[in-house]
Amino acid sequence: MRNTKISVIVPTYNRVKSLQVAIDCLLNQTLDSNLYEVIIVDDGSHDTTLYTLKELMLRHHQLKYIFQANKGPAAARNTGLKAARGRIVAFTDDDCEVAEDWLENILKSFNEDKRLVGLQGSTYTTKSEVTPLTHQVENLEGNHAIPTCNAAYRKDAILKINGFDCQFPYPHNEDTDVAWRIAPLGRVKFNKDMKVHHPPRKDSFKKVASRMKVLTSEFALYYKNKSDYKKYRGGTPWKTIYKTVFVKNNVHHLKQGLKNWKNPKLMLTGVLIVFSWWIDMLVRLPEYLKADRYYAEVYSGQE
């Protein structure tokens, strides 16, 4: 007899190989399989995700599959929230590997602290595999943004704030928005024993070079959460984009790229990526100006 305590929600899009690894980790938990469910929300994949999940569901009762037209990870997580039966909803990504006691540690934390509304865990990567063309997340001591690759919330609390905001145009800052809005409802903690491995994921040069487009989400986050934005990011989106990212972060990436001098191809890739970001951020100025005006109007009177 099932007594679902935790619903794990995993949005996915055309990553069937890494998704299979993620699911294997989620199905091999120390927590009793009757106490949790795994909801995979397919955000319009056109690879073999559907067929792979059909086969797995025949063998694993806790695995659920939902397909939707491509709307982005925020919308996919909201779809999962609607279907979730657990009082706790846990989130991870389709390219992550949760520890075998991940769910056990989540349930223990919420059982021990009844005022707890949000929980984040220790996310680590394989540093030796990091290159200028990889994407990875590392959060070893806690982050006010609470990355959704390793997060859990009390379901009634996240529903009270209406879940994830689909106004965020890219998979960037929608998780921060949830973390900031849910914080006033109770306690939010970091659990070092709640571990997730986020392997470096290799992307194409073209995809990495266009990464600065996600910065339009800074304006959505700012106009929706002005006081928290100023508290945690120290100013306005313009300062974040052109001082923190354009100058500080990109100079850091340039220095890191030059350290690969023993591998000229890797070094050149790193340098070209940074210069492409600088150019892209200058070219995108009109786009950022448009986003500034748009979100100022969308969230007028929010705070």
C-alpha atoms as a PDB file:
ATOM      1  CA  MET A   1       0.000   0.000   0.000  1.00  0.00           C
ATOM      2  CA  ARG A   2       1.415   3.358  -1.039  1.00  0.00           C
ATOM      3  CA  ASN A   3       1.809   6.229   1.409  1.00  0.00           C
ATOM      4  CA  THR A   4       3.512   8.895  -0.706  1.00  0.00           C
ATOM      5  CA  LYS A   5       5.495  11.327   1.430  1.00  0.00           C
ATOM      6  CA  ILE A   6       7.724  12.857  -1.256  1.00  0.00           C
ATOM      7  CA  SER A   7       7.122  13.645  -4.920  1.00  0.00           C
ATOM      8  CA  VAL A   8      10.284  14.080  -6.978  1.00  0.00           C
ATOM      9  CA  ILE A   9       9.791  16.308 -10.029  1.00  0.00           C
ATOM     10  CA  VAL A  10      12.251  16.116 -12.922  1.00  0.00           C
ATOM     11  CA  PRO A  11      11.726  18.259 -16.043  1.00  0.00           C
ATOM     12  CA  THR A  12      13.413  16.894 -19.145  1.00  0.00           C
ATOM     13  CA  TYR A  13      13.990  17.815 -22.762  1.00  0.00           C
ATOM     14  CA  ASN A  14      15.892  15.646 -25.268  1.00  0.00           C
ATOM     15  CA  ARG A  15      18.363  14.186 -22.775  1.00  0.00           C
ATOM     16  CA  VAL A  16      17.356  10.553 -22.676  1.00  0.00           C
ATOM     17  CA  LYS A  17      20.859   9.229 -21.931  1.00  0.00           C
ATOM     18  CA  SER A  18      21.536  11.404 -18.903  1.00  0.00           C
ATOM     19  CA  LEU A  19      17.887  11.058 -17.851  1.00  0.00           C
ATOM     20  CA  GLN A  20      18.298   7.279 -17.605  1.00  0.00           C
ATOM     21  CA  VAL A  21      21.224   7.743 -15.223  1.00  0.00           C
ATOM     22  CA  ALA A  22      19.244  10.274 -13.173  1.00  0.00           C
ATOM     23  CA  ILE A  23      16.273   7.894 -12.946  1.00  0.00           C
ATOM     24  CA  ASP A  24      18.476   4.953 -11.941  1.00  0.00           C
ATOM     25  CA  CYS A  25      19.710   7.007  -8.982  1.00  0.00           C
ATOM     26  CA  LEU A  26      16.161   8.009  -8.030  1.00  0.00           C
ATOM     27  CA  LEU A  27      14.862   4.445  -8.203  1.00  0.00           C
ATOM     28  CA  ASN A  28      17.681   3.090  -6.047  1.00  0.00           C
ATOM     29  CA  GLN A  29      17.034   5.051  -2.888  1.00  0.00           C
ATOM     30  CA  THR A  30      17.378   3.865   0.691  1.00  0.00           C
ATOM     31  CA  LEU A  31      13.899   5.281   1.348  1.00  0.00           C
ATOM     32  CA  ASP A  32      11.063   2.761   0.980  1.00  0.00           C
ATOM     33  CA  SER A  33       9.757   2.911  -2.599  1.00  0.00           C
ATOM     34  CA  ASN A  34       6.184   3.123  -1.272  1.00  0.00           C
ATOM     35  CA  LEU A  35       6.988   6.471   0.345  1.00  0.00           C
ATOM     36  CA  TYR A  36       7.897   8.403  -2.787  1.00  0.00           C
ATOM     37  CA  GLU A  37       7.076   8.914  -6.445  1.00  0.00           C
ATOM     38  CA  VAL A  38       9.213  10.165  -9.331  1.00  0.00           C
ATOM     39  CA  ILE A  39       7.387  12.417 -11.802  1.00  0.00           C
ATOM     40  CA  ILE A  40       9.179  12.934 -15.102  1.00  0.00           C
ATOM     41  CA  VAL A  41       7.730  15.882 -17.005  1.00  0.00           C
ATOM     42  CA  ASP A  42       8.723  15.641 -20.663  1.00  0.00           C
ATOM     43  CA  ASP A  43       8.783  19.182 -22.026  1.00  0.00           C
ATOM     44  CA  GLY A  44       8.223  18.234 -25.667  1.00  0.00           C
ATOM     45  CA  SER A  45      11.173  15.892 -26.305  1.00  0.00           C
ATOM     46  CA  HIS A  46      11.526  14.399 -29.763  1.00  0.00           C
ATOM     47  CA  ASP A  47      14.131  11.769 -28.909  1.00  0.00           C
ATOM     48  CA  THR A  48      13.399   8.320 -27.408  1.00  0.00           C
ATOM     49  CA  THR A  49      12.391   9.617 -23.963  1.00  0.00           C
ATOM     50  CA  LEU A  50       8.775   8.402 -24.297  1.00  0.00           C
ATOM     51  CA  TYR A  51       9.713   4.834 -25.240  1.00  0.00           C
ATOM     52  CA  THR A  52      12.392   4.607 -22.565  1.00  0.00           C
ATOM     53  CA  LEU A  53      10.004   5.782 -19.848  1.00  0.00           C
ATOM     54  CA  LYS A  54       7.223   3.427 -20.968  1.00  0.00           C
ATOM     55  CA  GLU A  55       9.521   0.458 -20.485  1.00  0.00           C
ATOM     56  CA  LEU A  56      10.767   1.665 -17.106  1.00  0.00           C
ATOM     57  CA  MET A  57       7.246   2.319 -15.790  1.00  0.00           C
ATOM     58  CA  LEU A  58       6.334  -1.311 -16.354  1.00  0.00           C
ATOM     59  CA  ARG A  59       8.967  -2.291 -13.799  1.00  0.00           C
ATOM     60  CA  HIS A  60       8.814   0.587 -11.308  1.00  0.00           C
ATOM     61  CA  HIS A  61       5.489   1.566  -9.729  1.00  0.00           C
ATOM     62  CA  GLN A  62       6.815   4.843  -8.313  1.00  0.00           C
ATOM     63  CA  LEU A  63       7.713   6.223 -11.743  1.00  0.00           C
ATOM     64  CA  LYS A  64       5.244   8.589 -13.454  1.00  0.00           C
ATOM     65  CA  TYR A  65       5.464  10.227 -16.892  1.00  0.00           C
ATOM     66  CA  ILE A  66       3.772  13.388 -18.162  1.00  0.00           C
ATOM     67  CA  PHE A  67       4.214  14.859 -21.638  1.00  0.00           C
ATOM     68  CA  GLN A  68       3.581  18.496 -22.498  1.00  0.00           C
ATOM     69  CA  ALA A  69       4.306  20.817 -25.406  1.00  0.00           C
ATOM     70  CA  ASN A  70       7.608  22.653 -25.005  1.00  0.00           C
ATOM     71  CA  LYS A  71       7.109  25.494 -22.507  1.00  0.00           C
ATOM     72  CA  GLY A  72      10.350  25.503 -20.543  1.00  0.00           C
ATOM     73  CA  PRO A  73      11.436  24.039 -17.171  1.00  0.00           C
ATOM     74  CA  ALA A  74       9.378  26.437 -15.032  1.00  0.00           C
ATOM     75  CA  ALA A  75       6.144  25.321 -16.707  1.00  0.00           C
ATOM     76  CA  ALA A  76       7.276  21.674 -16.546  1.00  0.00           C
ATOM     77  CA  ARG A  77       7.856  21.908 -12.804  1.00  0.00           C
ATOM     78  CA  ASN A  78       4.407  23.466 -12.343  1.00  0.00           C
ATOM     79  CA  THR A  79       2.901  20.561 -14.290  1.00  0.00           C
ATOM     80  CA  GLY A  80       4.674  18.188 -11.929  1.00  0.00           C
ATOM     81  CA  LEU A  81       3.401  20.134  -8.917  1.00  0.00           C
ATOM     82  CA  LYS A  82      -0.194  19.672 -10.056  1.00  0.00           C
ATOM     83  CA  ALA A  83       0.291  15.913 -10.243  1.00  0.00           C
ATOM     84  CA  ALA A  84       2.318  15.546  -7.019  1.00  0.00           C
ATOM     85  CA  ARG A  85       0.768  13.528  -4.198  1.00  0.00           C
ATOM     86  CA  GLY A  86       3.461  13.984  -1.562  1.00  0.00           C
ATOM     87  CA  ARG A  87       3.423  16.683   1.112  1.00  0.00           C
ATOM     88  CA  ILE A  88       7.044  17.357   0.147  1.00  0.00           C
ATOM     89  CA  VAL A  89       8.150  18.101  -3.419  1.00  0.00           C
ATOM     90  CA  ALA A  90      11.801  17.534  -4.311  1.00  0.00           C
ATOM     91  CA  PHE A  91      13.493  18.815  -7.445  1.00  0.00           C
ATOM     92  CA  THR A  92      16.508  17.692  -9.419  1.00  0.00           C
ATOM     93  CA  ASP A  93      17.569  17.891 -13.066  1.00  0.00           C
ATOM     94  CA  ASP A  94      17.765  15.322 -15.831  1.00  0.00           C
ATOM     95  CA  ASP A  95      21.565  15.532 -15.929  1.00  0.00           C
ATOM     96  CA  CYS A  96      22.132  15.016 -12.190  1.00  0.00           C
ATOM     97  CA  GLU A  97      22.891  12.011 -10.000  1.00  0.00           C
ATOM     98  CA  VAL A  98      21.342  12.066  -6.537  1.00  0.00           C
ATOM     99  CA  ALA A  99      22.934  10.138  -3.663  1.00  0.00           C
ATOM    100  CA  GLU A 100      21.190   6.920  -2.609  1.00  0.00           C
ATOM    101  CA  ASP A 101      20.124   8.486   0.721  1.00  0.00           C
ATOM    102  CA  TRP A 102      19.017  11.777  -0.882  1.00  0.00           C
ATOM    103  CA  LEU A 103      15.297  11.292  -0.214  1.00  0.00           C
ATOM    104  CA  GLU A 104      15.882   9.800   3.218  1.00  0.00           C
ATOM    105  CA  ASN A 105      17.785  12.937   4.256  1.00  0.00           C
ATOM    106  CA  ILE A 106      15.088  15.192   2.828  1.00  0.00           C
ATOM    107  CA  LEU A 107      12.292  13.419   4.710  1.00  0.00           C
ATOM    108  CA  LYS A 108      14.318  13.392   7.920  1.00  0.00           C
ATOM    109  CA  SER A 109      14.903  17.155   7.734  1.00  0.00           C
ATOM    110  CA  PHE A 110      11.217  17.967   7.248  1.00  0.00           C
ATOM    111  CA  ASN A 111      10.138  15.533   9.992  1.00  0.00           C
ATOM    112  CA  GLU A 112      12.580  17.058  12.483  1.00  0.00           C
ATOM    113  CA  ASP A 113      11.622  20.685  11.800  1.00  0.00           C
ATOM    114  CA  LYS A 114       7.917  21.374  11.336  1.00  0.00           C
ATOM    115  CA  ARG A 115       8.597  25.036  10.473  1.00  0.00           C
ATOM    116  CA  LEU A 116      10.784  24.057   7.539  1.00  0.00           C
ATOM    117  CA  VAL A 117       9.417  25.177   4.150  1.00  0.00           C
ATOM    118  CA  GLY A 118      12.530  24.896   1.977  1.00  0.00           C
ATOM    119  CA  LEU A 119      15.633  22.761   1.843  1.00  0.00           C
ATOM    120  CA  GLN A 120      18.751  22.785  -0.306  1.00  0.00           C
ATOM    121  CA  GLY A 121      21.607  20.325  -0.376  1.00  0.00           C
ATOM    122  CA  SER A 122      25.264  19.970  -1.272  1.00  0.00           C
ATOM    123  CA  THR A 123      25.803  19.902  -5.046  1.00  0.00           C
ATOM    124  CA  TYR A 124      29.252  19.007  -6.346  1.00  0.00           C
ATOM    125  CA  THR A 125      30.828  18.424  -9.741  1.00  0.00           C
ATOM    126  CA  THR A 126      33.834  16.604 -11.226  1.00  0.00           C
ATOM    127  CA  LYS A 127      36.308  19.469 -11.511  1.00  0.00           C
ATOM    128  CA  SER A 128      38.794  17.529 -13.619  1.00  0.00           C
ATOM    129  CA  GLU A 129      36.184  17.324 -16.399  1.00  0.00           C
ATOM    130  CA  VAL A 130      35.283  21.027 -16.429  1.00  0.00           C
ATOM    131  CA  THR A 131      36.131  22.869 -19.669  1.00  0.00           C
ATOM    132  CA  PRO A 132      35.031  26.179 -21.261  1.00  0.00           C
ATOM    133  CA  LEU A 133      32.307  24.202 -23.070  1.00  0.00           C
ATOM    134  CA  THR A 134      30.770  22.477 -20.042  1.00  0.00           C
ATOM    135  CA  HIS A 135      27.878  23.434 -17.803  1.00  0.00           C
ATOM    136  CA  GLN A 136      27.908  22.375 -14.161  1.00  0.00           C
ATOM    137  CA  VAL A 137      26.604  23.503 -10.791  1.00  0.00           C
ATOM    138  CA  GLU A 138      28.509  23.550  -7.519  1.00  0.00           C
ATOM    139  CA  ASN A 139      26.844  24.565  -4.253  1.00  0.00           C
ATOM    140  CA  LEU A 140      28.804  23.209  -1.296  1.00  0.00           C
ATOM    141  CA  GLU A 141      27.742  25.537   1.513  1.00  0.00           C
ATOM    142  CA  GLY A 142      24.307  26.853   0.559  1.00  0.00           C
ATOM    143  CA  ASN A 143      23.106  29.604  -1.732  1.00  0.00           C
ATOM    144  CA  HIS A 144      20.290  32.117  -1.310  1.00  0.00           C
ATOM    145  CA  ALA A 145      19.203  31.244  -4.875  1.00  0.00           C
ATOM    146  CA  ILE A 146      18.585  27.517  -4.083  1.00  0.00           C
ATOM    147  CA  PRO A 147      19.355  25.796  -7.426  1.00  0.00           C
ATOM    148  CA  THR A 148      16.545  23.397  -8.340  1.00  0.00           C
ATOM    149  CA  CYS A 149      19.009  20.647  -9.215  1.00  0.00           C
ATOM    150  CA  ASN A 150      19.018  19.929  -5.468  1.00  0.00           C
ATOM    151  CA  ALA A 151      16.044  21.424  -3.650  1.00  0.00           C
ATOM    152  CA  ALA A 152      12.924  20.419  -1.748  1.00  0.00           C
ATOM    153  CA  TYR A 153       9.892  22.357  -0.546  1.00  0.00           C
ATOM    154  CA  ARG A 154       6.782  21.734   1.469  1.00  0.00           C
ATOM    155  CA  LYS A 155       4.116  21.412  -1.196  1.00  0.00           C
ATOM    156  CA  ASP A 156       1.531  23.592   0.515  1.00  0.00           C
ATOM    157  CA  ALA A 157       4.112  26.385   0.802  1.00  0.00           C
ATOM    158  CA  ILE A 158       5.191  26.344  -2.840  1.00  0.00           C
ATOM    159  CA  LEU A 159       1.559  26.188  -3.954  1.00  0.00           C
ATOM    160  CA  LYS A 160       0.804  29.185  -1.740  1.00  0.00           C
ATOM    161  CA  ILE A 161       3.271  31.278  -3.768  1.00  0.00           C
ATOM    162  CA  ASN A 162       1.801  29.865  -7.032  1.00  0.00           C
ATOM    163  CA  GLY A 163       4.826  27.768  -7.937  1.00  0.00           C
ATOM    164  CA  PHE A 164       7.282  28.808 -10.627  1.00  0.00           C
ATOM    165  CA  ASP A 165       6.746  31.987 -12.620  1.00  0.00           C
ATOM    166  CA  CYS A 166       6.642  31.229 -16.364  1.00  0.00           C
ATOM    167  CA  GLN A 167       7.310  34.913 -17.145  1.00  0.00           C
ATOM    168  CA  PHE A 168      11.007  34.100 -16.826  1.00  0.00           C
ATOM    169  CA  PRO A 169      12.013  33.596 -20.472  1.00  0.00           C
ATOM    170  CA  TYR A 170      14.944  31.199 -19.953  1.00  0.00           C
ATOM    171  CA  PRO A 171      15.977  28.574 -17.379  1.00  0.00           C
ATOM    172  CA  HIS A 172      17.637  31.230 -15.234  1.00  0.00           C
ATOM    173  CA  ASN A 173      16.469  32.919 -12.025  1.00  0.00           C
ATOM    174  CA  GLU A 174      13.068  31.200 -11.894  1.00  0.00           C
ATOM    175  CA  ASP A 175      14.444  29.023  -9.080  1.00  0.00           C
ATOM    176  CA  THR A 176      15.862  32.086  -7.295  1.00  0.00           C
ATOM    177  CA  ASP A 177      12.447  33.751  -7.519  1.00  0.00           C
ATOM    178  CA  VAL A 178      10.816  30.763  -5.805  1.00  0.00           C
ATOM    179  CA  ALA A 179      13.484  30.668  -3.086  1.00  0.00           C
ATOM    180  CA  TRP A 180      13.087  34.365  -2.282  1.00  0.00           C
ATOM    181  CA  ARG A 181       9.276  34.296  -2.285  1.00  0.00           C
ATOM    182  CA  ILE A 182       8.990  31.210  -0.110  1.00  0.00           C
ATOM    183  CA  ALA A 183      11.494  32.340   2.540  1.00  0.00           C
ATOM    184  CA  PRO A 184       9.003  34.524   4.512  1.00  0.00           C
ATOM    185  CA  LEU A 185       6.712  31.501   5.001  1.00  0.00           C
ATOM    186  CA  GLY A 186       9.042  29.608   7.314  1.00  0.00           C
ATOM    187  CA  ARG A 187      12.542  28.232   7.672  1.00  0.00           C
ATOM    188  CA  VAL A 188      14.840  27.481   4.749  1.00  0.00           C
ATOM    189  CA  LYS A 189      17.893  25.358   5.506  1.00  0.00           C
ATOM    190  CA  PHE A 190      20.997  23.833   3.959  1.00  0.00           C
ATOM    191  CA  ASN A 191      21.584  20.114   4.509  1.00  0.00           C
ATOM    192  CA  LYS A 192      25.144  19.032   3.687  1.00  0.00           C
ATOM    193  CA  ASP A 193      24.078  15.358   3.719  1.00  0.00           C
ATOM    194  CA  MET A 194      21.548  15.929   0.929  1.00  0.00           C
ATOM    195  CA  LYS A 195      24.030  15.292  -1.890  1.00  0.00           C
ATOM    196  CA  VAL A 196      23.741  15.573  -5.662  1.00  0.00           C
ATOM    197  CA  HIS A 197      26.458  15.098  -8.259  1.00  0.00           C
ATOM    198  CA  HIS A 198      26.138  17.492 -11.193  1.00  0.00           C
ATOM    199  CA  PRO A 199      28.563  16.165 -13.857  1.00  0.00           C
ATOM    200  CA  PRO A 200      30.004  18.723 -16.285  1.00  0.00           C
ATOM    201  CA  ARG A 201      27.706  18.641 -19.340  1.00  0.00           C
ATOM    202  CA  LYS A 202      29.401  19.410 -22.627  1.00  0.00           C
ATOM    203  CA  ASP A 203      27.565  21.854 -24.886  1.00  0.00           C
ATOM    204  CA  SER A 204      28.317  23.108 -28.378  1.00  0.00           C
ATOM    205  CA  PHE A 205      30.379  26.270 -28.880  1.00  0.00           C
ATOM    206  CA  LYS A 206      27.315  27.940 -30.398  1.00  0.00           C
ATOM    207  CA  LYS A 207      25.148  27.196 -27.370  1.00  0.00           C
ATOM    208  CA  VAL A 208      27.752  28.354 -24.858  1.00  0.00           C
ATOM    209  CA  ALA A 209      28.478  31.513 -26.878  1.00  0.00           C
ATOM    210  CA  SER A 210      24.796  32.486 -26.723  1.00  0.00           C
ATOM    211  CA  ARG A 211      24.529  31.998 -22.965  1.00  0.00           C
ATOM    212  CA  MET A 212      24.298  35.724 -22.221  1.00  0.00           C
ATOM    213  CA  LYS A 213      20.739  35.813 -23.543  1.00  0.00           C
ATOM    214  CA  VAL A 214      19.587  34.415 -20.174  1.00  0.00           C
ATOM    215  CA  LEU A 215      20.511  37.707 -18.521  1.00  0.00           C
ATOM    216  CA  THR A 216      17.185  39.211 -19.610  1.00  0.00           C
ATOM    217  CA  SER A 217      15.830  37.231 -16.647  1.00  0.00           C
ATOM    218  CA  GLU A 218      17.706  39.570 -14.319  1.00  0.00           C
ATOM    219  CA  PHE A 219      15.078  42.232 -15.008  1.00  0.00           C
ATOM    220  CA  ALA A 220      12.210  39.866 -14.206  1.00  0.00           C
ATOM    221  CA  LEU A 221      13.855  38.920 -10.912  1.00  0.00           C
ATOM    222  CA  TYR A 222      14.608  42.539 -10.026  1.00  0.00           C
ATOM    223  CA  TYR A 223      11.180  44.040 -10.663  1.00  0.00           C
ATOM    224  CA  LYS A 224       9.457  41.162  -8.905  1.00  0.00           C
ATOM    225  CA  ASN A 225      11.768  41.075  -5.852  1.00  0.00           C
ATOM    226  CA  LYS A 226      13.459  44.491  -5.609  1.00  0.00           C
ATOM    227  CA  SER A 227      14.433  44.384  -1.934  1.00  0.00           C
ATOM    228  CA  ASP A 228      15.861  40.871  -2.115  1.00  0.00           C
ATOM    229  CA  TYR A 229      17.643  41.651  -5.377  1.00  0.00           C
ATOM    230  CA  LYS A 230      19.354  44.675  -3.839  1.00  0.00           C
ATOM    231  CA  LYS A 231      20.191  42.653  -0.729  1.00  0.00           C
ATOM    232  CA  TYR A 232      21.711  39.651  -2.499  1.00  0.00           C
ATOM    233  CA  ARG A 233      23.012  41.119  -5.768  1.00  0.00           C
ATOM    234  CA  GLY A 234      23.881  44.575  -4.573  1.00  0.00           C
ATOM    235  CA  GLY A 235      22.145  46.891  -6.975  1.00  0.00           C
ATOM    236  CA  THR A 236      20.255  46.724 -10.250  1.00  0.00           C
ATOM    237  CA  PRO A 237      20.271  44.277 -13.193  1.00  0.00           C
ATOM    238  CA  TRP A 238      22.464  46.726 -15.095  1.00  0.00           C
ATOM    239  CA  LYS A 239      25.128  46.442 -12.415  1.00  0.00           C
ATOM    240  CA  THR A 240      24.816  42.644 -12.456  1.00  0.00           C
ATOM    241  CA  ILE A 241      25.084  42.435 -16.245  1.00  0.00           C
ATOM    242  CA  TYR A 242      27.775  44.969 -17.040  1.00  0.00           C
ATOM    243  CA  LYS A 243      29.837  45.064 -13.847  1.00  0.00           C
ATOM    244  CA  THR A 244      29.542  41.615 -12.304  1.00  0.00           C
ATOM    245  CA  VAL A 245      29.198  39.503 -15.456  1.00  0.00           C
ATOM    246  CA  PHE A 246      30.764  41.616 -18.235  1.00  0.00           C
ATOM    247  CA  VAL A 247      33.799  42.678 -16.199  1.00  0.00           C
ATOM    248  CA  LYS A 248      34.342  40.546 -13.099  1.00  0.00           C
ATOM    249  CA  ASN A 249      33.050  37.130 -14.183  1.00  0.00           C
ATOM    250  CA  ASN A 250      34.297  37.248 -17.758  1.00  0.00           C
ATOM    251  CA  VAL A 251      37.779  38.419 -16.753  1.00  0.00           C
ATOM    252  CA  HIS A 252      37.859  35.475 -14.338  1.00  0.00           C
ATOM    253  CA  HIS A 253      36.828  33.087 -17.147  1.00  0.00           C
ATOM    254  CA  LEU A 254      39.498  34.594 -19.401  1.00  0.00           C
ATOM    255  CA  LYS A 255      42.184  33.987 -16.795  1.00  0.00           C
ATOM    256  CA  GLN A 256      40.961  30.425 -16.295  1.00  0.00           C
ATOM    257  CA  GLY A 257      41.081  29.851 -20.051  1.00  0.00           C
ATOM    258  CA  LEU A 258      44.673  31.129 -20.298  1.00  0.00           C
ATOM    259  CA  LYS A 259      45.713  28.605 -17.653  1.00  0.00           C
ATOM    260  CA  ASN A 260      45.142  25.896 -20.258  1.00  0.00           C
ATOM    261  CA  TRP A 261      48.247  27.024 -22.209  1.00  0.00           C
ATOM    262  CA  LYS A 262      49.529  23.437 -22.266  1.00  0.00           C
ATOM    263  CA  ASN A 263      46.453  22.582 -24.349  1.00  0.00           C
ATOM    264  CA  PRO A 264      46.374  25.283 -27.060  1.00  0.00           C
ATOM    265  CA  LYS A 265      43.039  24.136 -28.512  1.00  0.00           C
ATOM    266  CA  LEU A 266      41.326  24.260 -25.113  1.00  0.00           C
ATOM    267  CA  MET A 267      42.949  27.603 -24.301  1.00  0.00           C
ATOM    268  CA  LEU A 268      41.830  29.121 -27.606  1.00  0.00           C
ATOM    269  CA  THR A 269      38.280  27.838 -27.064  1.00  0.00           C
ATOM    270  CA  GLY A 270      38.144  29.463 -23.647  1.00  0.00           C
ATOM    271  CA  VAL A 271      39.450  32.796 -24.922  1.00  0.00           C
ATOM    272  CA  LEU A 272      37.075  32.821 -27.898  1.00  0.00           C
ATOM    273  CA  ILE A 273      34.114  32.039 -25.648  1.00  0.00           C
ATOM    274  CA  VAL A 274      34.852  35.030 -23.411  1.00  0.00           C
ATOM    275  CA  PHE A 275      35.314  37.409 -26.356  1.00  0.00           C
ATOM    276  CA  SER A 276      32.085  36.114 -27.900  1.00  0.00           C
ATOM    277  CA  TRP A 277      30.323  36.867 -24.587  1.00  0.00           C
ATOM    278  CA  TRP A 278      31.684  40.407 -24.528  1.00  0.00           C
ATOM    279  CA  ILE A 279      30.533  41.040 -28.083  1.00  0.00           C
ATOM    280  CA  ASP A 280      27.172  39.381 -27.470  1.00  0.00           C
ATOM    281  CA  MET A 281      26.498  41.475 -24.369  1.00  0.00           C
ATOM    282  CA  LEU A 282      27.167  44.664 -26.319  1.00  0.00           C
ATOM    283  CA  VAL A 283      24.972  43.552 -29.212  1.00  0.00           C
ATOM    284  CA  ARG A 284      22.192  42.583 -26.791  1.00  0.00           C
ATOM    285  CA  LEU A 285      21.993  46.040 -25.189  1.00  0.00           C
ATOM    286  CA  PRO A 286      18.730  46.892 -27.042  1.00  0.00           C
ATOM    287  CA  GLU A 287      17.325  43.518 -25.940  1.00  0.00           C
ATOM    288  CA  TYR A 288      18.223  44.255 -22.315  1.00  0.00           C
ATOM    289  CA  LEU A 289      16.663  47.735 -22.584  1.00  0.00           C
ATOM    290  CA  LYS A 290      13.470  46.183 -23.940  1.00  0.00           C
ATOM    291  CA  ALA A 291      13.417  43.623 -21.114  1.00  0.00           C
ATOM    292  CA  ASP A 292      13.913  46.402 -18.566  1.00  0.00           C
ATOM    293  CA  ARG A 293      10.840  48.272 -19.832  1.00  0.00           C
ATOM    294  CA  TYR A 294       8.752  45.117 -20.237  1.00  0.00           C
ATOM    295  CA  TYR A 295       9.288  43.672 -16.752  1.00  0.00           C
ATOM    296  CA  ALA A 296       8.981  47.069 -15.099  1.00  0.00           C
ATOM    297  CA  GLU A 297       5.460  47.168 -16.506  1.00  0.00           C
ATOM    298  CA  VAL A 298       4.623  43.488 -15.844  1.00  0.00           C
ATOM    299  CA  TYR A 299       5.592  43.706 -12.185  1.00  0.00           C
ATOM    300  CA  SER A 300       4.643  47.320 -11.497  1.00  0.00           C
ATOM    301  CA  GLY A 301       3.515  47.674  -7.910  1.00  0.00           C
ATOM    302  CA  GLN A 302       4.917  44.267  -6.979  1.00  0.00           C
ATOM    303  CA  GLU A 303       6.899  45.690  -4.078  1.00  0.00           C
END
